[in-house]
Amino acid sequence: MSSKPFLIRHLEGKSEGRFPVWMMRQAGRYLESYRAIRKNHSFWEMATQPEVAAEVSLLPLDVLPVDAVIFFSDILTLPFGLGLPIEMRESIGPVLEKPLLTRQQFDVFESFEAKKHTPYVGEALRLIKEKISPETALLGFAGAPWTVASYLIEGKSNRHFSQIKGWLYRDPKELFASLNVLAEATLKYLKLQIESGVDAVQLFDTWLCEMPRNIFNEFYLPMLNQLFRELKNERVKTIFFAKGSAHLLSDFNRLECDVLSIDNLTDLKTVEKLTEGKFSLQGNLDPVLLLKGEPGVVRRETRLLVQQARELARPAILNLGHGILPNTPLENAKAFVEEARSLWL
């Protein structure tokens, strides 16, 4: 048997009868065991204490036969580790009271050293790796520069992105020079995760939906590809997730990642056509289906998703179109994962 986990063998074209399956945010509030731990710890305590982060990351394996563990953390762990005072406020999300609004303020990322500023990430990953089966993939991740910067520049989640988009229209070269410093820190952060044993890394670009197409092609695509090229040198699989970015799909075929993770607004066959079959696809059951559907409906929709995946040119990974929602019934999560595993290629 290969020393590589099932999910990685599958991506390399070694078909073994079924699709791999996992869920974004699978170590989260829908799990009673997670809520019990959360009662005794703040979010950042959970993310920065290696033993706790490892324990939380492993919780889904107790109840779901998923094929991958994604470590418990956040896309803002990198800036938090560097000392930016990011608060996680209930029902609001991340808040930075003094947003970064100038090119000079982004110079803070030049000093980032992963082992110095986020050592707990490497320690948590090593603890997880020791406890999972060689068949289970360990996934690392980071926020993509645009999405992380959108939080740092806006100061908190909002619907208009007026600060970052205002900067974008005022001086795109200066904004992307700032993002480039963040991108270099992100690469160091991901390299620490690779050194600590991850089999693949996922770059989350949740707010790429707010970027105009011409800006993406001129400024951002080269930055993303520089990241992906550097990661390819580390010999790990790369996954890119961009929510609500169908306006960019025909440009994504110039990306140099291995896997595109797809939201639930565009079907897999359409994505494959628009990206010219270049990528393995990951996705894309609607998380609201798991939140509100009956287990039988979840199983039916999972069967339809598998049927789509069977028709793709490249090996697919079954997942959701975004993270699993907090109040999702566990029986629905089980229905998705169990049904996905029971269906043959």
C-alpha atoms as a PDB file:
ATOM      1  CA  MET A   1       0.000   0.000   0.000  1.00  0.00           C
ATOM      2  CA  SER A   2       1.234   3.506  -0.812  1.00  0.00           C
ATOM      3  CA  SER A   3       2.387   5.667   2.073  1.00  0.00           C
ATOM      4  CA  LYS A   4       0.240   8.495   0.691  1.00  0.00           C
ATOM      5  CA  PRO A   5      -3.291   9.061   2.077  1.00  0.00           C
ATOM      6  CA  PHE A   6      -6.286   7.938   0.035  1.00  0.00           C
ATOM      7  CA  LEU A   7      -7.263  11.486  -0.966  1.00  0.00           C
ATOM      8  CA  ILE A   8      -3.802  12.183  -2.425  1.00  0.00           C
ATOM      9  CA  ARG A   9      -3.654   8.857  -4.267  1.00  0.00           C
ATOM     10  CA  HIS A  10      -7.075   9.641  -5.703  1.00  0.00           C
ATOM     11  CA  LEU A  11      -5.921  13.054  -6.998  1.00  0.00           C
ATOM     12  CA  GLU A  12      -2.951  11.343  -8.610  1.00  0.00           C
ATOM     13  CA  GLY A  13      -5.344   9.178 -10.614  1.00  0.00           C
ATOM     14  CA  LYS A  14      -5.144   5.942  -8.621  1.00  0.00           C
ATOM     15  CA  SER A  15      -8.850   5.135  -8.628  1.00  0.00           C
ATOM     16  CA  GLU A  16      -9.870   2.994  -5.649  1.00  0.00           C
ATOM     17  CA  GLY A  17     -13.600   2.723  -6.113  1.00  0.00           C
ATOM     18  CA  ARG A  18     -15.068   5.854  -4.539  1.00  0.00           C
ATOM     19  CA  PHE A  19     -14.582   9.594  -4.117  1.00  0.00           C
ATOM     20  CA  PRO A  20     -12.837  11.048  -1.052  1.00  0.00           C
ATOM     21  CA  VAL A  21     -15.051  13.264   1.122  1.00  0.00           C
ATOM     22  CA  TRP A  22     -14.543  15.884   3.851  1.00  0.00           C
ATOM     23  CA  MET A  23     -16.272  19.146   4.831  1.00  0.00           C
ATOM     24  CA  MET A  24     -15.014  22.668   5.233  1.00  0.00           C
ATOM     25  CA  ARG A  25     -15.368  23.778   8.892  1.00  0.00           C
ATOM     26  CA  GLN A  26     -15.989  20.152   9.843  1.00  0.00           C
ATOM     27  CA  ALA A  27     -14.503  20.829  13.312  1.00  0.00           C
ATOM     28  CA  GLY A  28     -17.130  23.360  14.312  1.00  0.00           C
ATOM     29  CA  ARG A  29     -20.156  24.359  16.320  1.00  0.00           C
ATOM     30  CA  TYR A  30     -22.535  21.734  14.894  1.00  0.00           C
ATOM     31  CA  LEU A  31     -20.595  19.210  17.036  1.00  0.00           C
ATOM     32  CA  GLU A  32     -21.673  18.915  20.668  1.00  0.00           C
ATOM     33  CA  SER A  33     -18.110  17.982  21.607  1.00  0.00           C
ATOM     34  CA  TYR A  34     -16.854  21.234  20.047  1.00  0.00           C
ATOM     35  CA  ARG A  35     -19.401  23.308  21.964  1.00  0.00           C
ATOM     36  CA  ALA A  36     -18.309  21.663  25.205  1.00  0.00           C
ATOM     37  CA  ILE A  37     -14.671  22.655  24.632  1.00  0.00           C
ATOM     38  CA  ARG A  38     -15.635  26.138  23.458  1.00  0.00           C
ATOM     39  CA  LYS A  39     -17.394  26.824  26.787  1.00  0.00           C
ATOM     40  CA  ASN A  40     -14.024  26.746  28.530  1.00  0.00           C
ATOM     41  CA  HIS A  41     -11.873  28.579  25.989  1.00  0.00           C
ATOM     42  CA  SER A  42     -11.909  31.721  23.900  1.00  0.00           C
ATOM     43  CA  PHE A  43     -11.536  31.182  20.162  1.00  0.00           C
ATOM     44  CA  TRP A  44      -7.902  32.302  20.154  1.00  0.00           C
ATOM     45  CA  GLU A  45      -7.113  30.075  23.146  1.00  0.00           C
ATOM     46  CA  MET A  46      -8.403  27.130  21.139  1.00  0.00           C
ATOM     47  CA  ALA A  47      -6.431  28.087  18.038  1.00  0.00           C
ATOM     48  CA  THR A  48      -3.136  28.896  19.789  1.00  0.00           C
ATOM     49  CA  GLN A  49      -2.913  26.079  22.355  1.00  0.00           C
ATOM     50  CA  PRO A  50      -1.561  23.143  20.304  1.00  0.00           C
ATOM     51  CA  GLU A  51      -3.128  20.399  22.416  1.00  0.00           C
ATOM     52  CA  VAL A  52      -6.561  22.041  22.243  1.00  0.00           C
ATOM     53  CA  ALA A  53      -6.291  22.842  18.516  1.00  0.00           C
ATOM     54  CA  ALA A  54      -5.283  19.236  17.824  1.00  0.00           C
ATOM     55  CA  GLU A  55      -8.104  17.846  19.962  1.00  0.00           C
ATOM     56  CA  VAL A  56     -10.694  20.023  18.208  1.00  0.00           C
ATOM     57  CA  SER A  57      -9.315  19.169  14.755  1.00  0.00           C
ATOM     58  CA  LEU A  58      -9.762  15.475  15.474  1.00  0.00           C
ATOM     59  CA  LEU A  59     -13.343  15.707  16.817  1.00  0.00           C
ATOM     60  CA  PRO A  60     -15.056  14.975  13.458  1.00  0.00           C
ATOM     61  CA  LEU A  61     -13.262  11.611  13.228  1.00  0.00           C
ATOM     62  CA  ASP A  62     -15.190  10.451  16.299  1.00  0.00           C
ATOM     63  CA  VAL A  63     -18.522  10.727  14.476  1.00  0.00           C
ATOM     64  CA  LEU A  64     -17.856  10.999  10.722  1.00  0.00           C
ATOM     65  CA  PRO A  65     -15.791   8.761   8.409  1.00  0.00           C
ATOM     66  CA  VAL A  66     -14.176  11.727   6.598  1.00  0.00           C
ATOM     67  CA  ASP A  67     -11.057  11.217   4.489  1.00  0.00           C
ATOM     68  CA  ALA A  68      -9.241  14.360   5.602  1.00  0.00           C
ATOM     69  CA  VAL A  69      -8.598  16.414   8.729  1.00  0.00           C
ATOM     70  CA  ILE A  70      -8.224  20.173   8.298  1.00  0.00           C
ATOM     71  CA  PHE A  71      -6.557  21.655  11.344  1.00  0.00           C
ATOM     72  CA  PHE A  72      -8.544  23.975  13.599  1.00  0.00           C
ATOM     73  CA  SER A  73      -7.480  27.578  13.069  1.00  0.00           C
ATOM     74  CA  ASP A  74      -8.593  30.699  11.213  1.00  0.00           C
ATOM     75  CA  ILE A  75      -7.565  32.614   8.114  1.00  0.00           C
ATOM     76  CA  LEU A  76      -6.519  35.494  10.430  1.00  0.00           C
ATOM     77  CA  THR A  77      -4.199  33.391  12.619  1.00  0.00           C
ATOM     78  CA  LEU A  78      -1.160  34.712  10.728  1.00  0.00           C
ATOM     79  CA  PRO A  79      -1.809  38.425  11.481  1.00  0.00           C
ATOM     80  CA  PHE A  80      -2.953  37.558  15.009  1.00  0.00           C
ATOM     81  CA  GLY A  81       0.314  35.697  15.625  1.00  0.00           C
ATOM     82  CA  LEU A  82       2.213  38.725  14.403  1.00  0.00           C
ATOM     83  CA  GLY A  83       0.564  40.797  17.128  1.00  0.00           C
ATOM     84  CA  LEU A  84      -2.330  42.497  15.364  1.00  0.00           C
ATOM     85  CA  PRO A  85      -5.100  42.806  18.004  1.00  0.00           C
ATOM     86  CA  ILE A  86      -7.837  40.907  16.187  1.00  0.00           C
ATOM     87  CA  GLU A  87     -10.857  40.140  18.377  1.00  0.00           C
ATOM     88  CA  MET A  88     -13.328  37.393  17.577  1.00  0.00           C
ATOM     89  CA  ARG A  89     -16.692  38.845  18.587  1.00  0.00           C
ATOM     90  CA  GLU A  90     -19.747  36.634  18.853  1.00  0.00           C
ATOM     91  CA  SER A  91     -22.213  37.135  15.969  1.00  0.00           C
ATOM     92  CA  ILE A  92     -19.962  39.852  14.475  1.00  0.00           C
ATOM     93  CA  GLY A  93     -16.789  37.955  13.576  1.00  0.00           C
ATOM     94  CA  PRO A  94     -13.230  39.303  13.498  1.00  0.00           C
ATOM     95  CA  VAL A  95     -12.720  42.938  14.515  1.00  0.00           C
ATOM     96  CA  LEU A  96      -9.565  45.042  14.195  1.00  0.00           C
ATOM     97  CA  GLU A  97     -10.174  48.393  15.917  1.00  0.00           C
ATOM     98  CA  LYS A  98      -7.350  50.132  14.026  1.00  0.00           C
ATOM     99  CA  PRO A  99      -7.489  48.901  10.418  1.00  0.00           C
ATOM    100  CA  LEU A 100      -4.435  48.905   8.151  1.00  0.00           C
ATOM    101  CA  LEU A 101      -4.978  51.748   5.703  1.00  0.00           C
ATOM    102  CA  THR A 102      -1.539  52.526   4.262  1.00  0.00           C
ATOM    103  CA  ARG A 103       1.214  50.749   2.368  1.00  0.00           C
ATOM    104  CA  GLN A 104       3.585  51.373   5.294  1.00  0.00           C
ATOM    105  CA  GLN A 105       1.278  49.616   7.763  1.00  0.00           C
ATOM    106  CA  PHE A 106       1.549  46.418   5.713  1.00  0.00           C
ATOM    107  CA  ASP A 107       5.324  46.443   6.246  1.00  0.00           C
ATOM    108  CA  VAL A 108       4.599  44.679   9.559  1.00  0.00           C
ATOM    109  CA  PHE A 109       4.328  41.471   7.511  1.00  0.00           C
ATOM    110  CA  GLU A 110       7.959  41.759   6.401  1.00  0.00           C
ATOM    111  CA  SER A 111       8.981  40.728   9.914  1.00  0.00           C
ATOM    112  CA  PHE A 112       6.827  37.583   9.944  1.00  0.00           C
ATOM    113  CA  GLU A 113       8.666  34.396  10.881  1.00  0.00           C
ATOM    114  CA  ALA A 114       6.363  31.389  11.049  1.00  0.00           C
ATOM    115  CA  LYS A 115       8.244  29.457  13.756  1.00  0.00           C
ATOM    116  CA  LYS A 116       8.527  32.579  15.905  1.00  0.00           C
ATOM    117  CA  HIS A 117       5.061  34.063  15.452  1.00  0.00           C
ATOM    118  CA  THR A 118       2.875  30.972  14.896  1.00  0.00           C
ATOM    119  CA  PRO A 119       4.814  28.069  16.458  1.00  0.00           C
ATOM    120  CA  TYR A 120       1.586  26.571  17.831  1.00  0.00           C
ATOM    121  CA  VAL A 121       0.406  25.859  14.277  1.00  0.00           C
ATOM    122  CA  GLY A 122       3.332  23.542  13.593  1.00  0.00           C
ATOM    123  CA  GLU A 123       2.984  21.896  17.007  1.00  0.00           C
ATOM    124  CA  ALA A 124      -0.747  21.271  16.538  1.00  0.00           C
ATOM    125  CA  LEU A 125      -0.186  19.761  13.096  1.00  0.00           C
ATOM    126  CA  ARG A 126       2.482  17.393  14.407  1.00  0.00           C
ATOM    127  CA  LEU A 127       0.162  16.267  17.203  1.00  0.00           C
ATOM    128  CA  ILE A 128      -2.650  15.619  14.719  1.00  0.00           C
ATOM    129  CA  LYS A 129      -0.360  13.747  12.336  1.00  0.00           C
ATOM    130  CA  GLU A 130       0.677  11.379  15.124  1.00  0.00           C
ATOM    131  CA  LYS A 131      -2.943  10.478  15.857  1.00  0.00           C
ATOM    132  CA  ILE A 132      -4.487   9.961  12.425  1.00  0.00           C
ATOM    133  CA  SER A 133      -4.324   6.947  10.165  1.00  0.00           C
ATOM    134  CA  PRO A 134      -1.873   7.076   7.245  1.00  0.00           C
ATOM    135  CA  GLU A 135      -5.004   6.770   5.071  1.00  0.00           C
ATOM    136  CA  THR A 136      -6.369  10.119   6.341  1.00  0.00           C
ATOM    137  CA  ALA A 137      -5.041  13.259   4.675  1.00  0.00           C
ATOM    138  CA  LEU A 138      -3.930  16.181   6.842  1.00  0.00           C
ATOM    139  CA  LEU A 139      -4.835  19.515   5.270  1.00  0.00           C
ATOM    140  CA  GLY A 140      -3.254  22.866   6.001  1.00  0.00           C
ATOM    141  CA  PHE A 141      -4.669  26.201   4.948  1.00  0.00           C
ATOM    142  CA  ALA A 142      -4.287  29.948   4.872  1.00  0.00           C
ATOM    143  CA  GLY A 143      -6.352  32.911   3.882  1.00  0.00           C
ATOM    144  CA  ALA A 144      -5.530  34.267   0.439  1.00  0.00           C
ATOM    145  CA  PRO A 145      -4.001  37.773   0.421  1.00  0.00           C
ATOM    146  CA  TRP A 146      -7.071  39.611  -0.916  1.00  0.00           C
ATOM    147  CA  THR A 147      -9.471  38.083   1.599  1.00  0.00           C
ATOM    148  CA  VAL A 148      -7.175  38.467   4.613  1.00  0.00           C
ATOM    149  CA  ALA A 149      -6.436  42.062   3.587  1.00  0.00           C
ATOM    150  CA  SER A 150     -10.146  42.785   3.250  1.00  0.00           C
ATOM    151  CA  TYR A 151     -10.580  42.092   6.989  1.00  0.00           C
ATOM    152  CA  LEU A 152      -7.455  44.032   7.936  1.00  0.00           C
ATOM    153  CA  ILE A 153      -8.397  47.072   5.831  1.00  0.00           C
ATOM    154  CA  GLU A 154     -12.129  47.126   6.629  1.00  0.00           C
ATOM    155  CA  GLY A 155     -11.625  46.360  10.334  1.00  0.00           C
ATOM    156  CA  LYS A 156     -14.583  43.959  10.372  1.00  0.00           C
ATOM    157  CA  SER A 157     -16.975  42.087   8.102  1.00  0.00           C
ATOM    158  CA  ASN A 158     -19.276  44.287   6.042  1.00  0.00           C
ATOM    159  CA  ARG A 159     -21.294  44.173   2.849  1.00  0.00           C
ATOM    160  CA  HIS A 160     -19.685  46.990   0.891  1.00  0.00           C
ATOM    161  CA  PHE A 161     -15.889  46.571   1.233  1.00  0.00           C
ATOM    162  CA  SER A 162     -15.667  50.323   0.797  1.00  0.00           C
ATOM    163  CA  GLN A 163     -12.174  50.740   2.262  1.00  0.00           C
ATOM    164  CA  ILE A 164     -10.359  48.059   0.268  1.00  0.00           C
ATOM    165  CA  LYS A 165     -12.279  48.826  -2.930  1.00  0.00           C
ATOM    166  CA  GLY A 166     -11.757  52.542  -2.436  1.00  0.00           C
ATOM    167  CA  TRP A 167      -8.016  51.890  -2.182  1.00  0.00           C
ATOM    168  CA  LEU A 168      -8.250  49.574  -5.191  1.00  0.00           C
ATOM    169  CA  TYR A 169      -9.730  52.297  -7.398  1.00  0.00           C
ATOM    170  CA  ARG A 170      -7.523  55.059  -5.962  1.00  0.00           C
ATOM    171  CA  ASP A 171      -4.177  53.293  -6.336  1.00  0.00           C
ATOM    172  CA  PRO A 172      -4.271  49.611  -7.372  1.00  0.00           C
ATOM    173  CA  LYS A 173      -0.474  49.381  -7.646  1.00  0.00           C
ATOM    174  CA  GLU A 174      -0.015  50.520  -4.061  1.00  0.00           C
ATOM    175  CA  LEU A 175      -2.726  48.183  -2.786  1.00  0.00           C
ATOM    176  CA  PHE A 176      -1.217  45.178  -4.531  1.00  0.00           C
ATOM    177  CA  ALA A 177       2.263  46.125  -3.342  1.00  0.00           C
ATOM    178  CA  SER A 178       0.780  45.896   0.159  1.00  0.00           C
ATOM    179  CA  LEU A 179      -0.867  42.565  -0.632  1.00  0.00           C
ATOM    180  CA  ASN A 180       2.417  41.251  -1.977  1.00  0.00           C
ATOM    181  CA  VAL A 181       4.083  41.700   1.416  1.00  0.00           C
ATOM    182  CA  LEU A 182       1.198  39.741   2.925  1.00  0.00           C
ATOM    183  CA  ALA A 183       1.544  37.062   0.220  1.00  0.00           C
ATOM    184  CA  GLU A 184       5.214  36.531   1.090  1.00  0.00           C
ATOM    185  CA  ALA A 185       4.288  36.068   4.761  1.00  0.00           C
ATOM    186  CA  THR A 186       1.516  33.660   3.714  1.00  0.00           C
ATOM    187  CA  LEU A 187       4.046  31.548   1.830  1.00  0.00           C
ATOM    188  CA  LYS A 188       6.251  31.296   4.950  1.00  0.00           C
ATOM    189  CA  TYR A 189       3.182  30.343   6.989  1.00  0.00           C
ATOM    190  CA  LEU A 190       2.217  27.568   4.570  1.00  0.00           C
ATOM    191  CA  LYS A 191       5.791  26.285   4.391  1.00  0.00           C
ATOM    192  CA  LEU A 192       5.731  25.823   8.180  1.00  0.00           C
ATOM    193  CA  GLN A 193       2.573  23.733   7.762  1.00  0.00           C
ATOM    194  CA  ILE A 194       4.223  21.636   5.049  1.00  0.00           C
ATOM    195  CA  GLU A 195       7.286  21.060   7.255  1.00  0.00           C
ATOM    196  CA  SER A 196       4.865  19.941   9.979  1.00  0.00           C
ATOM    197  CA  GLY A 197       3.370  17.176   7.864  1.00  0.00           C
ATOM    198  CA  VAL A 198       0.379  18.394   5.848  1.00  0.00           C
ATOM    199  CA  ASP A 199      -0.418  16.530   2.619  1.00  0.00           C
ATOM    200  CA  ALA A 200      -2.156  19.444   0.870  1.00  0.00           C
ATOM    201  CA  VAL A 201      -2.905  23.109   1.504  1.00  0.00           C
ATOM    202  CA  GLN A 202      -6.056  25.068   0.751  1.00  0.00           C
ATOM    203  CA  LEU A 203      -6.030  28.793   0.053  1.00  0.00           C
ATOM    204  CA  PHE A 204      -9.317  30.436   1.082  1.00  0.00           C
ATOM    205  CA  ASP A 205     -10.391  33.490  -0.928  1.00  0.00           C
ATOM    206  CA  THR A 206     -13.903  34.000   0.380  1.00  0.00           C
ATOM    207  CA  TRP A 207     -14.185  37.625  -0.761  1.00  0.00           C
ATOM    208  CA  LEU A 208     -12.686  37.302  -4.235  1.00  0.00           C
ATOM    209  CA  CYS A 209     -16.289  37.779  -5.368  1.00  0.00           C
ATOM    210  CA  GLU A 210     -15.712  41.503  -4.751  1.00  0.00           C
ATOM    211  CA  MET A 211     -12.779  41.851  -7.163  1.00  0.00           C
ATOM    212  CA  PRO A 212     -13.394  43.183 -10.695  1.00  0.00           C
ATOM    213  CA  ARG A 213     -12.248  40.898 -13.478  1.00  0.00           C
ATOM    214  CA  ASN A 214      -9.733  43.305 -15.039  1.00  0.00           C
ATOM    215  CA  ILE A 215      -8.041  43.807 -11.669  1.00  0.00           C
ATOM    216  CA  PHE A 216      -7.897  40.053 -11.086  1.00  0.00           C
ATOM    217  CA  ASN A 217      -6.128  39.447 -14.376  1.00  0.00           C
ATOM    218  CA  GLU A 218      -3.699  42.355 -14.201  1.00  0.00           C
ATOM    219  CA  PHE A 219      -2.690  42.331 -10.550  1.00  0.00           C
ATOM    220  CA  TYR A 220      -3.932  39.334  -8.590  1.00  0.00           C
ATOM    221  CA  LEU A 221      -3.570  36.320 -10.858  1.00  0.00           C
ATOM    222  CA  PRO A 222       0.249  36.730 -11.058  1.00  0.00           C
ATOM    223  CA  MET A 223       0.420  36.970  -7.247  1.00  0.00           C
ATOM    224  CA  LEU A 224      -1.634  33.810  -6.733  1.00  0.00           C
ATOM    225  CA  ASN A 225       0.417  31.915  -9.298  1.00  0.00           C
ATOM    226  CA  GLN A 226       3.651  32.955  -7.618  1.00  0.00           C
ATOM    227  CA  LEU A 227       2.278  31.393  -4.425  1.00  0.00           C
ATOM    228  CA  PHE A 228       1.175  28.213  -6.185  1.00  0.00           C
ATOM    229  CA  ARG A 229       4.510  27.822  -7.970  1.00  0.00           C
ATOM    230  CA  GLU A 230       6.428  28.134  -4.710  1.00  0.00           C
ATOM    231  CA  LEU A 231       4.125  25.588  -3.065  1.00  0.00           C
ATOM    232  CA  LYS A 232       4.528  23.163  -5.973  1.00  0.00           C
ATOM    233  CA  ASN A 233       8.258  23.175  -5.233  1.00  0.00           C
ATOM    234  CA  GLU A 234       7.315  21.793  -1.800  1.00  0.00           C
ATOM    235  CA  ARG A 235       5.597  18.818  -3.480  1.00  0.00           C
ATOM    236  CA  VAL A 236       2.158  19.218  -1.907  1.00  0.00           C
ATOM    237  CA  LYS A 237      -1.220  19.461  -3.576  1.00  0.00           C
ATOM    238  CA  THR A 238      -2.755  22.942  -3.704  1.00  0.00           C
ATOM    239  CA  ILE A 239      -6.479  23.719  -3.457  1.00  0.00           C
ATOM    240  CA  PHE A 240      -8.004  27.131  -4.192  1.00  0.00           C
ATOM    241  CA  PHE A 241     -11.433  28.112  -2.888  1.00  0.00           C
ATOM    242  CA  ALA A 242     -13.061  31.332  -4.099  1.00  0.00           C
ATOM    243  CA  LYS A 243     -16.682  31.817  -3.110  1.00  0.00           C
ATOM    244  CA  GLY A 244     -19.105  33.543  -5.473  1.00  0.00           C
ATOM    245  CA  SER A 245     -16.496  34.125  -8.173  1.00  0.00           C
ATOM    246  CA  ALA A 246     -18.233  32.728 -11.243  1.00  0.00           C
ATOM    247  CA  HIS A 247     -17.357  35.949 -13.094  1.00  0.00           C
ATOM    248  CA  LEU A 248     -13.719  34.786 -13.015  1.00  0.00           C
ATOM    249  CA  LEU A 249     -14.151  31.116 -13.924  1.00  0.00           C
ATOM    250  CA  SER A 250     -12.968  31.500 -17.514  1.00  0.00           C
ATOM    251  CA  ASP A 251      -9.837  33.236 -16.152  1.00  0.00           C
ATOM    252  CA  PHE A 252      -9.211  30.559 -13.529  1.00  0.00           C
ATOM    253  CA  ASN A 253      -7.847  28.229 -16.210  1.00  0.00           C
ATOM    254  CA  ARG A 254      -4.651  30.301 -15.939  1.00  0.00           C
ATOM    255  CA  LEU A 255      -4.282  29.453 -12.239  1.00  0.00           C
ATOM    256  CA  GLU A 256      -1.483  27.036 -11.355  1.00  0.00           C
ATOM    257  CA  CYS A 257      -3.153  25.165  -8.488  1.00  0.00           C
ATOM    258  CA  ASP A 258      -4.129  21.467  -8.566  1.00  0.00           C
ATOM    259  CA  VAL A 259      -7.712  21.625  -7.298  1.00  0.00           C
ATOM    260  CA  LEU A 260     -10.492  24.214  -7.549  1.00  0.00           C
ATOM    261  CA  SER A 261     -12.977  24.113  -4.689  1.00  0.00           C
ATOM    262  CA  ILE A 262     -16.382  25.227  -5.964  1.00  0.00           C
ATOM    263  CA  ASP A 263     -19.241  27.003  -4.229  1.00  0.00           C
ATOM    264  CA  ASN A 264     -22.778  25.659  -4.642  1.00  0.00           C
ATOM    265  CA  LEU A 265     -23.916  28.305  -7.154  1.00  0.00           C
ATOM    266  CA  THR A 266     -22.300  26.705 -10.234  1.00  0.00           C
ATOM    267  CA  ASP A 267     -22.507  23.013 -11.104  1.00  0.00           C
ATOM    268  CA  LEU A 268     -19.330  20.991 -11.512  1.00  0.00           C
ATOM    269  CA  LYS A 269     -19.786  20.306 -15.230  1.00  0.00           C
ATOM    270  CA  THR A 270     -20.140  24.029 -15.994  1.00  0.00           C
ATOM    271  CA  VAL A 271     -16.996  24.793 -13.998  1.00  0.00           C
ATOM    272  CA  GLU A 272     -15.110  22.061 -15.823  1.00  0.00           C
ATOM    273  CA  LYS A 273     -16.185  23.478 -19.181  1.00  0.00           C
ATOM    274  CA  LEU A 274     -15.264  27.070 -18.304  1.00  0.00           C
ATOM    275  CA  THR A 275     -11.869  26.038 -16.901  1.00  0.00           C
ATOM    276  CA  GLU A 276     -11.210  23.687 -19.841  1.00  0.00           C
ATOM    277  CA  GLY A 277     -10.862  20.585 -17.658  1.00  0.00           C
ATOM    278  CA  LYS A 278      -7.587  21.826 -16.173  1.00  0.00           C
ATOM    279  CA  PHE A 279      -8.323  21.048 -12.509  1.00  0.00           C
ATOM    280  CA  SER A 280      -9.619  18.428 -10.189  1.00  0.00           C
ATOM    281  CA  LEU A 281     -12.776  19.902  -8.664  1.00  0.00           C
ATOM    282  CA  GLN A 282     -13.864  19.869  -5.023  1.00  0.00           C
ATOM    283  CA  GLY A 283     -17.407  20.515  -3.868  1.00  0.00           C
ATOM    284  CA  ASN A 284     -20.118  21.474  -3.842  1.00  0.00           C
ATOM    285  CA  LEU A 285     -23.249  20.497  -1.877  1.00  0.00           C
ATOM    286  CA  ASP A 286     -25.122  23.500  -0.453  1.00  0.00           C
ATOM    287  CA  PRO A 287     -24.441  23.807   3.322  1.00  0.00           C
ATOM    288  CA  VAL A 288     -28.038  25.036   3.749  1.00  0.00           C
ATOM    289  CA  LEU A 289     -29.229  21.654   2.484  1.00  0.00           C
ATOM    290  CA  LEU A 290     -27.458  20.032   5.433  1.00  0.00           C
ATOM    291  CA  LEU A 291     -28.855  22.677   7.783  1.00  0.00           C
ATOM    292  CA  LYS A 292     -32.508  22.463   6.684  1.00  0.00           C
ATOM    293  CA  GLY A 293     -32.955  19.245   4.722  1.00  0.00           C
ATOM    294  CA  GLU A 294     -34.089  15.815   5.868  1.00  0.00           C
ATOM    295  CA  PRO A 295     -31.442  13.036   5.827  1.00  0.00           C
ATOM    296  CA  GLY A 296     -33.233  11.385   2.891  1.00  0.00           C
ATOM    297  CA  VAL A 297     -33.058  14.609   0.864  1.00  0.00           C
ATOM    298  CA  VAL A 298     -29.374  15.025   1.758  1.00  0.00           C
ATOM    299  CA  ARG A 299     -28.712  11.481   0.525  1.00  0.00           C
ATOM    300  CA  ARG A 300     -30.622  12.102  -2.706  1.00  0.00           C
ATOM    301  CA  GLU A 301     -28.706  15.306  -3.460  1.00  0.00           C
ATOM    302  CA  THR A 302     -25.422  13.587  -2.597  1.00  0.00           C
ATOM    303  CA  ARG A 303     -26.216  10.886  -5.157  1.00  0.00           C
ATOM    304  CA  LEU A 304     -26.827  13.584  -7.772  1.00  0.00           C
ATOM    305  CA  LEU A 305     -23.512  15.230  -6.873  1.00  0.00           C
ATOM    306  CA  VAL A 306     -21.682  11.926  -7.246  1.00  0.00           C
ATOM    307  CA  GLN A 307     -23.292  11.461 -10.642  1.00  0.00           C
ATOM    308  CA  GLN A 308     -21.877  14.827 -11.710  1.00  0.00           C
ATOM    309  CA  ALA A 309     -18.462  13.955 -10.306  1.00  0.00           C
ATOM    310  CA  ARG A 310     -18.397  10.677 -12.234  1.00  0.00           C
ATOM    311  CA  GLU A 311     -18.697  12.581 -15.495  1.00  0.00           C
ATOM    312  CA  LEU A 312     -15.701  14.859 -14.877  1.00  0.00           C
ATOM    313  CA  ALA A 313     -12.426  14.450 -16.717  1.00  0.00           C
ATOM    314  CA  ARG A 314     -10.312  14.578 -13.537  1.00  0.00           C
ATOM    315  CA  PRO A 315     -10.654  12.944 -10.087  1.00  0.00           C
ATOM    316  CA  ALA A 316     -12.996  14.947  -7.850  1.00  0.00           C
ATOM    317  CA  ILE A 317     -13.260  15.437  -4.069  1.00  0.00           C
ATOM    318  CA  LEU A 318     -16.719  15.607  -2.499  1.00  0.00           C
ATOM    319  CA  ASN A 319     -17.277  18.534  -0.139  1.00  0.00           C
ATOM    320  CA  LEU A 320     -19.669  21.396   0.536  1.00  0.00           C
ATOM    321  CA  GLY A 321     -19.949  24.680  -1.337  1.00  0.00           C
ATOM    322  CA  HIS A 322     -18.759  26.514   1.805  1.00  0.00           C
ATOM    323  CA  GLY A 323     -18.291  25.663   5.491  1.00  0.00           C
ATOM    324  CA  ILE A 324     -20.814  23.550   7.373  1.00  0.00           C
ATOM    325  CA  LEU A 325     -23.229  25.825   9.277  1.00  0.00           C
ATOM    326  CA  PRO A 326     -23.288  25.949  13.113  1.00  0.00           C
ATOM    327  CA  ASN A 327     -26.758  24.498  13.768  1.00  0.00           C
ATOM    328  CA  THR A 328     -26.545  21.675  11.224  1.00  0.00           C
ATOM    329  CA  PRO A 329     -28.009  18.403  12.584  1.00  0.00           C
ATOM    330  CA  LEU A 330     -25.269  15.808  12.957  1.00  0.00           C
ATOM    331  CA  GLU A 331     -27.514  13.199  11.281  1.00  0.00           C
ATOM    332  CA  ASN A 332     -27.457  15.312   8.091  1.00  0.00           C
ATOM    333  CA  ALA A 333     -23.671  15.591   8.122  1.00  0.00           C
ATOM    334  CA  LYS A 334     -23.548  11.805   8.557  1.00  0.00           C
ATOM    335  CA  ALA A 335     -26.026  11.312   5.713  1.00  0.00           C
ATOM    336  CA  PHE A 336     -23.777  13.308   3.357  1.00  0.00           C
ATOM    337  CA  VAL A 337     -20.490  11.641   4.308  1.00  0.00           C
ATOM    338  CA  GLU A 338     -21.867   8.097   4.528  1.00  0.00           C
ATOM    339  CA  GLU A 339     -23.778   8.354   1.262  1.00  0.00           C
ATOM    340  CA  ALA A 340     -20.732   9.844  -0.494  1.00  0.00           C
ATOM    341  CA  ARG A 341     -18.564   6.953   0.720  1.00  0.00           C
ATOM    342  CA  SER A 342     -21.067   4.271  -0.277  1.00  0.00           C
ATOM    343  CA  LEU A 343     -21.287   5.242  -3.941  1.00  0.00           C
ATOM    344  CA  TRP A 344     -18.849   3.745  -6.406  1.00  0.00           C
ATOM    345  CA  LEU A 345     -16.965   5.574  -9.103  1.00  0.00           C
END
